[in-house]
PDB file of N, CA and C in Angstrom:
ATOM      1  N   MET A   1      32.201 -15.991  -9.661  1.00  0.00           N
ATOM      2  CA  MET A   1      31.665 -16.429 -10.936  1.00  0.00           C
ATOM      3  C   MET A   1      31.168 -15.194 -11.689  1.00  0.00           C
ATOM      4  N   SER A   2      31.505 -15.106 -12.966  1.00  0.00           N
ATOM      5  CA  SER A   2      31.054 -13.962 -13.754  1.00  0.00           C
ATOM      6  C   SER A   2      29.622 -14.180 -14.212  1.00  0.00           C
ATOM      7  N   LYS A   3      28.925 -13.073 -14.437  1.00  0.00           N
ATOM      8  CA  LYS A   3      27.558 -13.185 -14.940  1.00  0.00           C
ATOM      9  C   LYS A   3      27.592 -13.526 -16.419  1.00  0.00           C
ATOM     10  N   CYS A   4      26.720 -14.418 -16.827  1.00  0.00           N
ATOM     11  CA  CYS A   4      26.622 -14.803 -18.231  1.00  0.00           C
ATOM     12  C   CYS A   4      25.450 -14.070 -18.856  1.00  0.00           C
ATOM     13  N   SER A   5      25.517 -13.895 -20.156  1.00  0.00           N
ATOM     14  CA  SER A   5      24.394 -13.247 -20.842  1.00  0.00           C
ATOM     15  C   SER A   5      23.229 -14.220 -20.937  1.00  0.00           C
ATOM     16  N   ALA A   6      22.099 -13.736 -21.417  1.00  0.00           N
ATOM     17  CA  ALA A   6      20.892 -14.559 -21.529  1.00  0.00           C
ATOM     18  C   ALA A   6      21.085 -15.726 -22.484  1.00  0.00           C
ATOM     19  N   ASP A   7      22.059 -15.616 -23.386  1.00  0.00           N
ATOM     20  CA  ASP A   7      22.287 -16.678 -24.359  1.00  0.00           C
ATOM     21  C   ASP A   7      23.276 -17.730 -23.865  1.00  0.00           C
ATOM     22  N   GLU A   8      23.738 -17.585 -22.624  1.00  0.00           N
ATOM     23  CA  GLU A   8      24.712 -18.516 -22.077  1.00  0.00           C
ATOM     24  C   GLU A   8      24.136 -19.184 -20.836  1.00  0.00           C
ATOM     25  N   THR A   9      24.613 -20.410 -20.579  1.00  0.00           N
ATOM     26  CA  THR A   9      24.187 -21.071 -19.356  1.00  0.00           C
ATOM     27  C   THR A   9      25.128 -20.668 -18.235  1.00  0.00           C
ATOM     28  N   PRO A  10      24.621 -20.522 -17.015  1.00  0.00           N
ATOM     29  CA  PRO A  10      25.483 -20.079 -15.918  1.00  0.00           C
ATOM     30  C   PRO A  10      26.545 -21.107 -15.532  1.00  0.00           C
ATOM     31  N   VAL A  11      26.359 -22.375 -15.869  1.00  0.00           N
ATOM     32  CA  VAL A  11      27.288 -23.417 -15.458  1.00  0.00           C
ATOM     33  C   VAL A  11      28.607 -23.318 -16.216  1.00  0.00           C
ATOM     34  N   CYS A  12      28.546 -23.230 -17.530  1.00  0.00           N
ATOM     35  CA  CYS A  12      29.792 -23.267 -18.296  1.00  0.00           C
ATOM     36  C   CYS A  12      29.921 -22.116 -19.288  1.00  0.00           C
ATOM     37  N   CYS A  13      28.972 -21.196 -19.266  1.00  0.00           N
ATOM     38  CA  CYS A  13      28.965 -20.076 -20.211  1.00  0.00           C
ATOM     39  C   CYS A  13      28.986 -20.548 -21.659  1.00  0.00           C
ATOM     40  N   CYS A  14      28.298 -21.641 -21.944  1.00  0.00           N
ATOM     41  CA  CYS A  14      28.152 -22.149 -23.308  1.00  0.00           C
ATOM     42  C   CYS A  14      27.099 -21.315 -24.026  1.00  0.00           C
ATOM     43  N   ILE A  15      27.233 -21.208 -25.323  1.00  0.00           N
ATOM     44  CA  ILE A  15      26.264 -20.438 -26.106  1.00  0.00           C
ATOM     45  C   ILE A  15      25.056 -21.295 -26.409  1.00  0.00           C
ATOM     46  N   ASP A  16      23.894 -20.720 -26.281  1.00  0.00           N
ATOM     47  CA  ASP A  16      22.645 -21.398 -26.588  1.00  0.00           C
ATOM     48  C   ASP A  16      22.556 -21.658 -28.089  1.00  0.00           C
ATOM     49  N   VAL A  17      22.072 -22.826 -28.469  1.00  0.00           N
ATOM     50  CA  VAL A  17      21.953 -23.179 -29.878  1.00  0.00           C
ATOM     51  C   VAL A  17      21.097 -22.163 -30.632  1.00  0.00           C
ATOM     52  N   GLY A  18      20.117 -21.581 -30.004  1.00  0.00           N
ATOM     53  CA  GLY A  18      19.260 -20.587 -30.645  1.00  0.00           C
ATOM     54  C   GLY A  18      20.012 -19.341 -31.076  1.00  0.00           C
ATOM     55  N   THR A  19      21.180 -19.136 -30.489  1.00  0.00           N
ATOM     56  CA  THR A  19      22.007 -18.006 -30.883  1.00  0.00           C
ATOM     57  C   THR A  19      22.648 -18.263 -32.241  1.00  0.00           C
ATOM     58  N   ILE A  20      22.981 -19.512 -32.514  1.00  0.00           N
ATOM     59  CA  ILE A  20      23.624 -19.889 -33.765  1.00  0.00           C
ATOM     60  C   ILE A  20      22.585 -20.226 -34.832  1.00  0.00           C
ATOM     61  N   MET A  21      21.588 -20.991 -34.459  1.00  0.00           N
ATOM     62  CA  MET A  21      20.537 -21.422 -35.381  1.00  0.00           C
ATOM     63  C   MET A  21      19.257 -20.663 -35.063  1.00  0.00           C
ATOM     64  N   ASP A  22      19.034 -19.582 -35.778  1.00  0.00           N
ATOM     65  CA  ASP A  22      17.843 -18.777 -35.512  1.00  0.00           C
ATOM     66  C   ASP A  22      16.742 -19.006 -36.545  1.00  0.00           C
ATOM     67  N   ASN A  23      16.907 -20.034 -37.371  1.00  0.00           N
ATOM     68  CA  ASN A  23      15.912 -20.454 -38.361  1.00  0.00           C
ATOM     69  C   ASN A  23      15.706 -19.422 -39.475  1.00  0.00           C
ATOM     70  N   THR A  24      16.713 -18.578 -39.717  1.00  0.00           N
ATOM     71  CA  THR A  24      16.585 -17.608 -40.799  1.00  0.00           C
ATOM     72  C   THR A  24      17.243 -18.100 -42.084  1.00  0.00           C
ATOM     73  N   ASP A  25      18.147 -19.068 -41.991  1.00  0.00           N
ATOM     74  CA  ASP A  25      18.842 -19.574 -43.170  1.00  0.00           C
ATOM     75  C   ASP A  25      18.400 -21.002 -43.446  1.00  0.00           C
ATOM     76  N   CYS A  26      17.375 -21.148 -44.243  1.00  0.00           N
ATOM     77  CA  CYS A  26      16.811 -22.468 -44.543  1.00  0.00           C
ATOM     78  C   CYS A  26      17.118 -22.911 -45.968  1.00  0.00           C
ATOM     79  N   THR A  27      18.042 -22.221 -46.630  1.00  0.00           N
ATOM     80  CA  THR A  27      18.374 -22.534 -48.017  1.00  0.00           C
ATOM     81  C   THR A  27      19.794 -23.068 -48.128  1.00  0.00           C
ATOM     82  N   ALA A  28      19.919 -24.208 -48.796  1.00  0.00           N
ATOM     83  CA  ALA A  28      21.232 -24.757 -49.138  1.00  0.00           C
ATOM     84  C   ALA A  28      21.377 -24.624 -50.643  1.00  0.00           C
ATOM     85  N   SER A  29      22.510 -24.134 -51.083  1.00  0.00           N
ATOM     86  CA  SER A  29      22.743 -23.944 -52.515  1.00  0.00           C
ATOM     87  C   SER A  29      23.869 -24.848 -52.993  1.00  0.00           C
ATOM     88  N   TYR A  30      23.767 -25.273 -54.238  1.00  0.00           N
ATOM     89  CA  TYR A  30      24.760 -26.153 -54.857  1.00  0.00           C
ATOM     90  C   TYR A  30      25.018 -25.632 -56.255  1.00  0.00           C
ATOM     91  N   SER A  31      26.285 -25.620 -56.677  1.00  0.00           N
ATOM     92  CA  SER A  31      26.636 -25.143 -58.006  1.00  0.00           C
ATOM     93  C   SER A  31      27.818 -25.940 -58.531  1.00  0.00           C
ATOM     94  N   ARG A  32      27.724 -26.367 -59.793  1.00  0.00           N
ATOM     95  CA  ARG A  32      28.815 -27.132 -60.401  1.00  0.00           C
ATOM     96  C   ARG A  32      28.658 -27.123 -61.914  1.00  0.00           C
ATOM     97  N   VAL A  33      29.785 -27.221 -62.617  1.00  0.00           N
ATOM     98  CA  VAL A  33      29.762 -27.330 -64.074  1.00  0.00           C
ATOM     99  C   VAL A  33      29.952 -28.796 -64.441  1.00  0.00           C
ATOM    100  N   PHE A  34      29.076 -29.289 -65.311  1.00  0.00           N
ATOM    101  CA  PHE A  34      29.110 -30.677 -65.774  1.00  0.00           C
ATOM    102  C   PHE A  34      29.444 -30.705 -67.260  1.00  0.00           C
ATOM    103  N   ALA A  35      29.986 -31.824 -67.694  1.00  0.00           N
ATOM    104  CA  ALA A  35      30.318 -31.979 -69.110  1.00  0.00           C
ATOM    105  C   ALA A  35      29.066 -32.057 -69.972  1.00  0.00           C
ATOM    106  N   SER A  36      27.985 -32.602 -69.408  1.00  0.00           N
ATOM    107  CA  SER A  36      26.745 -32.751 -70.186  1.00  0.00           C
ATOM    108  C   SER A  36      25.524 -32.499 -69.314  1.00  0.00           C
ATOM    109  N   ARG A  37      24.410 -32.227 -69.972  1.00  0.00           N
ATOM    110  CA  ARG A  37      23.142 -32.021 -69.261  1.00  0.00           C
ATOM    111  C   ARG A  37      22.716 -33.311 -68.562  1.00  0.00           C
ATOM    112  N   ALA A  38      23.001 -34.456 -69.179  1.00  0.00           N
ATOM    113  CA  ALA A  38      22.628 -35.748 -68.586  1.00  0.00           C
ATOM    114  C   ALA A  38      23.326 -35.961 -67.242  1.00  0.00           C
ATOM    115  N   GLU A  39      24.615 -35.617 -67.162  1.00  0.00           N
ATOM    116  CA  GLU A  39      25.348 -35.733 -65.898  1.00  0.00           C
ATOM    117  C   GLU A  39      24.746 -34.812 -64.841  1.00  0.00           C
ATOM    118  N   ALA A  40      24.394 -33.615 -65.256  1.00  0.00           N
ATOM    119  CA  ALA A  40      23.787 -32.655 -64.331  1.00  0.00           C
ATOM    120  C   ALA A  40      22.457 -33.191 -63.816  1.00  0.00           C
ATOM    121  N   GLU A  41      21.656 -33.757 -64.704  1.00  0.00           N
ATOM    122  CA  GLU A  41      20.354 -34.309 -64.310  1.00  0.00           C
ATOM    123  C   GLU A  41      20.515 -35.472 -63.333  1.00  0.00           C
ATOM    124  N   GLU A  42      21.539 -36.300 -63.542  1.00  0.00           N
ATOM    125  CA  GLU A  42      21.811 -37.414 -62.618  1.00  0.00           C
ATOM    126  C   GLU A  42      22.126 -36.891 -61.228  1.00  0.00           C
ATOM    127  N   THR A  43      22.980 -35.879 -61.174  1.00  0.00           N
ATOM    128  CA  THR A  43      23.346 -35.293 -59.886  1.00  0.00           C
ATOM    129  C   THR A  43      22.144 -34.625 -59.230  1.00  0.00           C
ATOM    130  N   LEU A  44      21.326 -33.952 -60.020  1.00  0.00           N
ATOM    131  CA  LEU A  44      20.099 -33.341 -59.490  1.00  0.00           C
ATOM    132  C   LEU A  44      19.214 -34.395 -58.842  1.00  0.00           C
ATOM    133  N   ALA A  45      19.048 -35.532 -59.502  1.00  0.00           N
ATOM    134  CA  ALA A  45      18.213 -36.606 -58.949  1.00  0.00           C
ATOM    135  C   ALA A  45      18.792 -37.133 -57.640  1.00  0.00           C
ATOM    136  N   ALA A  46      20.111 -37.314 -57.594  1.00  0.00           N
ATOM    137  CA  ALA A  46      20.752 -37.829 -56.380  1.00  0.00           C
ATOM    138  C   ALA A  46      20.640 -36.833 -55.225  1.00  0.00           C
ATOM    139  N   LEU A  47      20.872 -35.546 -55.509  1.00  0.00           N
ATOM    140  CA  LEU A  47      20.777 -34.528 -54.458  1.00  0.00           C
ATOM    141  C   LEU A  47      19.345 -34.350 -53.978  1.00  0.00           C
ATOM    142  N   THR A  48      18.400 -34.436 -54.899  1.00  0.00           N
ATOM    143  CA  THR A  48      16.989 -34.330 -54.516  1.00  0.00           C
ATOM    144  C   THR A  48      16.598 -35.489 -53.610  1.00  0.00           C
ATOM    145  N   ALA A  49      17.080 -36.691 -53.919  1.00  0.00           N
ATOM    146  CA  ALA A  49      16.806 -37.854 -53.066  1.00  0.00           C
ATOM    147  C   ALA A  49      17.370 -37.649 -51.669  1.00  0.00           C
ATOM    148  N   LYS A  50      18.590 -37.093 -51.575  1.00  0.00           N
ATOM    149  CA  LYS A  50      19.179 -36.807 -50.258  1.00  0.00           C
ATOM    150  C   LYS A  50      18.349 -35.775 -49.497  1.00  0.00           C
ATOM    151  N   ALA A  51      17.855 -34.773 -50.194  1.00  0.00           N
ATOM    152  CA  ALA A  51      17.023 -33.753 -49.548  1.00  0.00           C
ATOM    153  C   ALA A  51      15.733 -34.375 -49.024  1.00  0.00           C
ATOM    154  N   ARG A  52      15.159 -35.294 -49.786  1.00  0.00           N
ATOM    155  CA  ARG A  52      13.910 -35.952 -49.374  1.00  0.00           C
ATOM    156  C   ARG A  52      14.112 -36.794 -48.117  1.00  0.00           C
ATOM    157  N   GLU A  53      15.329 -37.316 -47.916  1.00  0.00           N
ATOM    158  CA  GLU A  53      15.628 -38.101 -46.716  1.00  0.00           C
ATOM    159  C   GLU A  53      15.651 -37.231 -45.463  1.00  0.00           C
ATOM    160  N   VAL A  54      15.957 -35.946 -45.632  1.00  0.00           N
ATOM    161  CA  VAL A  54      16.130 -35.028 -44.502  1.00  0.00           C
ATOM    162  C   VAL A  54      14.858 -34.260 -44.177  1.00  0.00           C
ATOM    163  N   GLU A  55      14.055 -33.961 -45.176  1.00  0.00           N
ATOM    164  CA  GLU A  55      12.913 -33.055 -45.014  1.00  0.00           C
ATOM    165  C   GLU A  55      11.848 -33.567 -44.054  1.00  0.00           C
ATOM    166  N   SER A  56      11.247 -32.633 -43.315  1.00  0.00           N
ATOM    167  CA  SER A  56      10.079 -32.950 -42.485  1.00  0.00           C
ATOM    168  C   SER A  56       8.816 -32.512 -43.223  1.00  0.00           C
ATOM    169  N   GLU A  57       8.963 -31.458 -44.003  1.00  0.00           N
ATOM    170  CA  GLU A  57       7.921 -30.980 -44.915  1.00  0.00           C
ATOM    171  C   GLU A  57       8.581 -30.922 -46.285  1.00  0.00           C
ATOM    172  N   PRO A  58       7.811 -30.931 -47.363  1.00  0.00           N
ATOM    173  CA  PRO A  58       8.437 -30.953 -48.687  1.00  0.00           C
ATOM    174  C   PRO A  58       9.450 -29.823 -48.891  1.00  0.00           C
ATOM    175  N   CYS A  59      10.650 -30.229 -49.271  1.00  0.00           N
ATOM    176  CA  CYS A  59      11.736 -29.293 -49.578  1.00  0.00           C
ATOM    177  C   CYS A  59      11.492 -28.742 -50.982  1.00  0.00           C
ATOM    178  N   GLN A  60      11.621 -27.440 -51.130  1.00  0.00           N
ATOM    179  CA  GLN A  60      11.469 -26.816 -52.443  1.00  0.00           C
ATOM    180  C   GLN A  60      12.818 -26.873 -53.155  1.00  0.00           C
ATOM    181  N   VAL A  61      12.860 -27.590 -54.289  1.00  0.00           N
ATOM    182  CA  VAL A  61      14.088 -27.756 -55.053  1.00  0.00           C
ATOM    183  C   VAL A  61      13.954 -26.934 -56.337  1.00  0.00           C
ATOM    184  N   THR A  62      14.878 -25.981 -56.522  1.00  0.00           N
ATOM    185  CA  THR A  62      14.832 -25.098 -57.691  1.00  0.00           C
ATOM    186  C   THR A  62      16.152 -25.184 -58.457  1.00  0.00           C
ATOM    187  N   PRO A  63      16.182 -26.014 -59.523  1.00  0.00           N
ATOM    188  CA  PRO A  63      17.403 -26.105 -60.332  1.00  0.00           C
ATOM    189  C   PRO A  63      17.400 -25.081 -61.473  1.00  0.00           C
ATOM    190  N   ARG A  64      18.606 -24.629 -61.839  1.00  0.00           N
ATOM    191  CA  ARG A  64      18.786 -23.748 -62.994  1.00  0.00           C
ATOM    192  C   ARG A  64      19.963 -24.286 -63.793  1.00  0.00           C
ATOM    193  N   PHE A  65      19.781 -24.400 -65.096  1.00  0.00           N
ATOM    194  CA  PHE A  65      20.822 -24.905 -65.981  1.00  0.00           C
ATOM    195  C   PHE A  65      21.248 -23.787 -66.925  1.00  0.00           C
ATOM    196  N   THR A  66      22.562 -23.616 -67.095  1.00  0.00           N
ATOM    197  CA  THR A  66      23.100 -22.584 -67.965  1.00  0.00           C
ATOM    198  C   THR A  66      24.194 -23.201 -68.830  1.00  0.00           C
ATOM    199  N   GLU A  67      24.093 -22.995 -70.137  1.00  0.00           N
ATOM    200  CA  GLU A  67      25.150 -23.455 -71.041  1.00  0.00           C
ATOM    201  C   GLU A  67      26.377 -22.571 -70.824  1.00  0.00           C
ATOM    202  N   VAL A  68      27.521 -23.206 -70.551  1.00  0.00           N
ATOM    203  CA  VAL A  68      28.774 -22.480 -70.359  1.00  0.00           C
ATOM    204  C   VAL A  68      29.860 -23.165 -71.188  1.00  0.00           C
ATOM    205  N   GLU A  69      30.959 -22.482 -71.317  1.00  0.00           N
ATOM    206  CA  GLU A  69      32.080 -23.082 -72.047  1.00  0.00           C
ATOM    207  C   GLU A  69      32.521 -24.347 -71.318  1.00  0.00           C
ATOM    208  N   GLY A  70      32.526 -25.444 -72.014  1.00  0.00           N
ATOM    209  CA  GLY A  70      32.939 -26.705 -71.406  1.00  0.00           C
ATOM    210  C   GLY A  70      31.806 -27.529 -70.837  1.00  0.00           C
ATOM    211  N   GLY A  71      30.572 -27.090 -70.993  1.00  0.00           N
ATOM    212  CA  GLY A  71      29.481 -27.917 -70.487  1.00  0.00           C
ATOM    213  C   GLY A  71      28.257 -27.148 -70.042  1.00  0.00           C
ATOM    214  N   VAL A  72      27.683 -27.640 -68.961  1.00  0.00           N
ATOM    215  CA  VAL A  72      26.440 -27.093 -68.414  1.00  0.00           C
ATOM    216  C   VAL A  72      26.645 -26.788 -66.944  1.00  0.00           C
ATOM    217  N   GLN A  73      26.350 -25.552 -66.554  1.00  0.00           N
ATOM    218  CA  GLN A  73      26.409 -25.205 -65.133  1.00  0.00           C
ATOM    219  C   GLN A  73      25.033 -25.424 -64.531  1.00  0.00           C
ATOM    220  N   MET A  74      25.031 -26.142 -63.409  1.00  0.00           N
ATOM    221  CA  MET A  74      23.783 -26.370 -62.690  1.00  0.00           C
ATOM    222  C   MET A  74      23.874 -25.674 -61.341  1.00  0.00           C
ATOM    223  N   ASP A  75      22.915 -24.829 -61.055  1.00  0.00           N
ATOM    224  CA  ASP A  75      22.775 -24.168 -59.757  1.00  0.00           C
ATOM    225  C   ASP A  75      21.455 -24.639 -59.171  1.00  0.00           C
ATOM    226  N   ILE A  76      21.481 -25.064 -57.921  1.00  0.00           N
ATOM    227  CA  ILE A  76      20.267 -25.558 -57.274  1.00  0.00           C
ATOM    228  C   ILE A  76      20.117 -24.877 -55.921  1.00  0.00           C
ATOM    229  N   ASP A  77      18.898 -24.488 -55.598  1.00  0.00           N
ATOM    230  CA  ASP A  77      18.557 -24.027 -54.252  1.00  0.00           C
ATOM    231  C   ASP A  77      17.611 -25.045 -53.639  1.00  0.00           C
ATOM    232  N   PHE A  78      17.939 -25.486 -52.438  1.00  0.00           N
ATOM    233  CA  PHE A  78      17.094 -26.386 -51.657  1.00  0.00           C
ATOM    234  C   PHE A  78      16.575 -25.581 -50.479  1.00  0.00           C
ATOM    235  N   VAL A  79      15.274 -25.363 -50.408  1.00  0.00           N
ATOM    236  CA  VAL A  79      14.689 -24.594 -49.316  1.00  0.00           C
ATOM    237  C   VAL A  79      13.968 -25.568 -48.393  1.00  0.00           C
ATOM    238  N   PHE A  80      14.496 -25.694 -47.176  1.00  0.00           N
ATOM    239  CA  PHE A  80      13.951 -26.618 -46.187  1.00  0.00           C
ATOM    240  C   PHE A  80      13.010 -25.889 -45.228  1.00  0.00           C
ATOM    241  N   ALA A  81      12.256 -26.653 -44.463  1.00  0.00           N
ATOM    242  CA  ALA A  81      11.300 -26.094 -43.509  1.00  0.00           C
ATOM    243  C   ALA A  81      11.997 -25.442 -42.320  1.00  0.00           C
ATOM    244  N   CYS A  82      13.206 -25.902 -41.992  1.00  0.00           N
ATOM    245  CA  CYS A  82      13.926 -25.316 -40.862  1.00  0.00           C
ATOM    246  C   CYS A  82      15.432 -25.385 -41.091  1.00  0.00           C
ATOM    247  N   GLN A  83      16.145 -24.587 -40.352  1.00  0.00           N
ATOM    248  CA  GLN A  83      17.588 -24.472 -40.514  1.00  0.00           C
ATOM    249  C   GLN A  83      18.311 -25.763 -40.137  1.00  0.00           C
ATOM    250  N   ALA A  84      17.792 -26.501 -39.184  1.00  0.00           N
ATOM    251  CA  ALA A  84      18.434 -27.756 -38.779  1.00  0.00           C
ATOM    252  C   ALA A  84      18.468 -28.730 -39.955  1.00  0.00           C
ATOM    253  N   GLU A  85      17.383 -28.822 -40.710  1.00  0.00           N
ATOM    254  CA  GLU A  85      17.353 -29.698 -41.886  1.00  0.00           C
ATOM    255  C   GLU A  85      18.368 -29.245 -42.919  1.00  0.00           C
ATOM    256  N   THR A  86      18.500 -27.933 -43.094  1.00  0.00           N
ATOM    257  CA  THR A  86      19.479 -27.392 -44.029  1.00  0.00           C
ATOM    258  C   THR A  86      20.879 -27.821 -43.638  1.00  0.00           C
ATOM    259  N   MET A  87      21.198 -27.700 -42.371  1.00  0.00           N
ATOM    260  CA  MET A  87      22.528 -28.078 -41.888  1.00  0.00           C
ATOM    261  C   MET A  87      22.776 -29.570 -42.022  1.00  0.00           C
ATOM    262  N   ILE A  88      21.789 -30.393 -41.710  1.00  0.00           N
ATOM    263  CA  ILE A  88      21.917 -31.848 -41.826  1.00  0.00           C
ATOM    264  C   ILE A  88      22.172 -32.208 -43.295  1.00  0.00           C
ATOM    265  N   PHE A  89      21.447 -31.587 -44.207  1.00  0.00           N
ATOM    266  CA  PHE A  89      21.633 -31.833 -45.644  1.00  0.00           C
ATOM    267  C   PHE A  89      23.045 -31.446 -46.066  1.00  0.00           C
ATOM    268  N   GLN A  90      23.493 -30.257 -45.673  1.00  0.00           N
ATOM    269  CA  GLN A  90      24.822 -29.789 -46.054  1.00  0.00           C
ATOM    270  C   GLN A  90      25.917 -30.687 -45.485  1.00  0.00           C
ATOM    271  N   LEU A  91      25.788 -31.096 -44.251  1.00  0.00           N
ATOM    272  CA  LEU A  91      26.785 -31.982 -43.647  1.00  0.00           C
ATOM    273  C   LEU A  91      26.800 -33.347 -44.320  1.00  0.00           C
ATOM    274  N   GLY A  92      25.639 -33.803 -44.777  1.00  0.00           N
ATOM    275  CA  GLY A  92      25.554 -35.083 -45.472  1.00  0.00           C
ATOM    276  C   GLY A  92      26.239 -35.086 -46.822  1.00  0.00           C
ATOM    277  N   LEU A  93      26.488 -33.915 -47.378  1.00  0.00           N
ATOM    278  CA  LEU A  93      27.155 -33.818 -48.677  1.00  0.00           C
ATOM    279  C   LEU A  93      28.676 -33.823 -48.552  1.00  0.00           C
ATOM    280  N   ARG A  94      29.168 -33.700 -47.336  1.00  0.00           N
ATOM    281  CA  ARG A  94      30.634 -33.639 -47.140  1.00  0.00           C
ATOM    282  C   ARG A  94      31.253 -34.998 -47.117  1.00  0.00           C
TER     283      ARG A  94
END
């Protein structure tokens, strides 16, 4: 049997979750161009509601709106308390 590193289990040499999720990436970002500000605001409300379903502590939601050719670009950063919440939120959007 080969020796496994500290991040692997000796049974199957699987990688420890802490190796992948080190809690350094707690931000999920979203960006899209909408035909109108009203459509963007609707999507912001829906995404914020989804974030509230996942959060253990209040998620910081930071939207930015920019007038662009063809409509309004909305960029949002969702900052969660931990990386697991970020991943759950991102997977829920797929």
